[in-house]
Amino acid sequence: MTYSALRRQIVSTPLNGSLLKGFSILNLITRDRPKITAATVVSELGMNGATAHRFMATLEEAGALVSYQRGLYGLGQRLVEM
């Protein structure tokens, strides 16, 4: 059993689904795929387009993503510096 699964069984405090979705989006960015689009998020995470755009715009505002050109995002400087 993973730590995450064990934690869910032990801890009664509900997890924040939006935060988990945001990290799921960030996890799509890899060395092999340093930039993603909302279409990537829709296809791989099953979010609808409006939700994907909203999450990506929010992550960009927080500095977690940066837009290289319209609709193409990579890791933001705040995360790179961590």
Protein backbone atom coordinates (compact mmCIF):
# COMPACT_ATOMS: atom_id res chain seq x y z
CA MET A 1 0.00 0.00 0.00
CA THR A 2 1.34 3.43 -0.90
CA TYR A 3 1.82 6.17 1.65
CA SER A 4 -0.94 8.13 -0.05
CA ALA A 5 -3.43 5.28 0.20
CA LEU A 6 -2.51 4.64 3.82
CA ARG A 7 -2.88 8.32 4.65
CA ARG A 8 -6.38 8.41 3.16
CA GLN A 9 -7.40 5.53 5.41
CA ILE A 10 -5.97 7.13 8.55
CA VAL A 11 -6.64 10.85 8.15
CA SER A 12 -10.21 12.02 8.41
CA THR A 13 -9.51 15.49 7.01
CA PRO A 14 -10.65 15.62 3.37
CA LEU A 15 -8.05 16.42 0.75
CA ASN A 16 -8.30 19.47 -1.49
CA GLY A 17 -9.30 18.18 -4.92
CA SER A 18 -8.38 21.40 -6.71
CA LEU A 19 -4.86 21.31 -5.35
CA LEU A 20 -4.49 17.69 -6.42
CA LYS A 21 -5.74 18.57 -9.92
CA GLY A 22 -3.22 21.40 -10.13
CA PHE A 23 -0.38 19.04 -9.24
CA SER A 24 -1.72 16.52 -11.78
CA ILE A 25 -1.35 19.20 -14.44
CA LEU A 26 2.18 20.04 -13.31
CA ASN A 27 3.08 16.34 -13.37
CA LEU A 28 2.31 16.26 -17.10
CA ILE A 29 5.44 18.34 -17.66
CA THR A 30 8.52 16.14 -17.94
CA ARG A 31 12.02 16.32 -19.38
CA ASP A 32 10.71 14.60 -22.50
CA ARG A 33 7.71 16.93 -22.68
CA PRO A 34 8.73 20.30 -21.21
CA LYS A 35 5.67 22.15 -22.58
CA ILE A 36 1.98 21.26 -22.54
CA THR A 37 -1.29 22.65 -23.85
CA ALA A 38 -4.81 22.59 -22.51
CA ALA A 39 -5.50 19.87 -25.08
CA THR A 40 -2.85 17.74 -23.34
CA VAL A 41 -4.61 18.24 -20.01
CA VAL A 42 -8.01 17.43 -21.53
CA SER A 43 -6.76 14.29 -23.22
CA GLU A 44 -4.62 12.91 -20.41
CA LEU A 45 -6.56 13.98 -17.32
CA GLY A 46 -10.09 13.93 -18.70
CA MET A 47 -10.88 17.53 -17.72
CA ASN A 48 -13.13 19.58 -19.93
CA GLY A 49 -11.51 22.39 -21.91
CA ALA A 50 -12.82 25.29 -19.83
CA THR A 51 -11.62 23.67 -16.61
CA ALA A 52 -8.19 22.94 -18.07
CA HIS A 53 -7.82 26.56 -19.22
CA ARG A 54 -8.94 27.91 -15.84
CA PHE A 55 -6.48 25.71 -13.94
CA MET A 56 -3.62 26.61 -16.27
CA ALA A 57 -4.37 30.34 -16.04
CA THR A 58 -4.44 30.05 -12.24
CA LEU A 59 -1.15 28.13 -12.17
CA GLU A 60 0.35 30.78 -14.44
CA GLU A 61 -0.84 33.58 -12.14
CA ALA A 62 0.78 31.76 -9.19
CA GLY A 63 4.06 31.45 -11.09
CA ALA A 64 3.88 27.66 -11.34
CA LEU A 65 3.42 27.78 -15.14
CA VAL A 66 4.65 30.20 -17.75
CA SER A 67 3.06 30.76 -21.15
CA TYR A 68 5.64 30.62 -23.96
CA GLN A 69 3.07 31.43 -26.58
CA ARG A 70 -0.69 31.40 -26.61
CA GLY A 71 -1.78 28.05 -25.20
CA LEU A 72 1.70 26.54 -24.70
CA TYR A 73 2.88 26.27 -21.09
CA GLY A 74 5.99 25.12 -19.25
CA LEU A 75 7.14 25.17 -15.65
CA GLY A 76 7.21 28.64 -14.19
CA GLN A 77 10.26 30.21 -12.62
CA ARG A 78 8.89 29.80 -9.08
CA LEU A 79 8.98 26.02 -9.47
CA VAL A 80 12.27 25.94 -11.34
CA GLU A 81 13.93 27.83 -8.49
CA MET A 82 12.69 25.39 -5.84
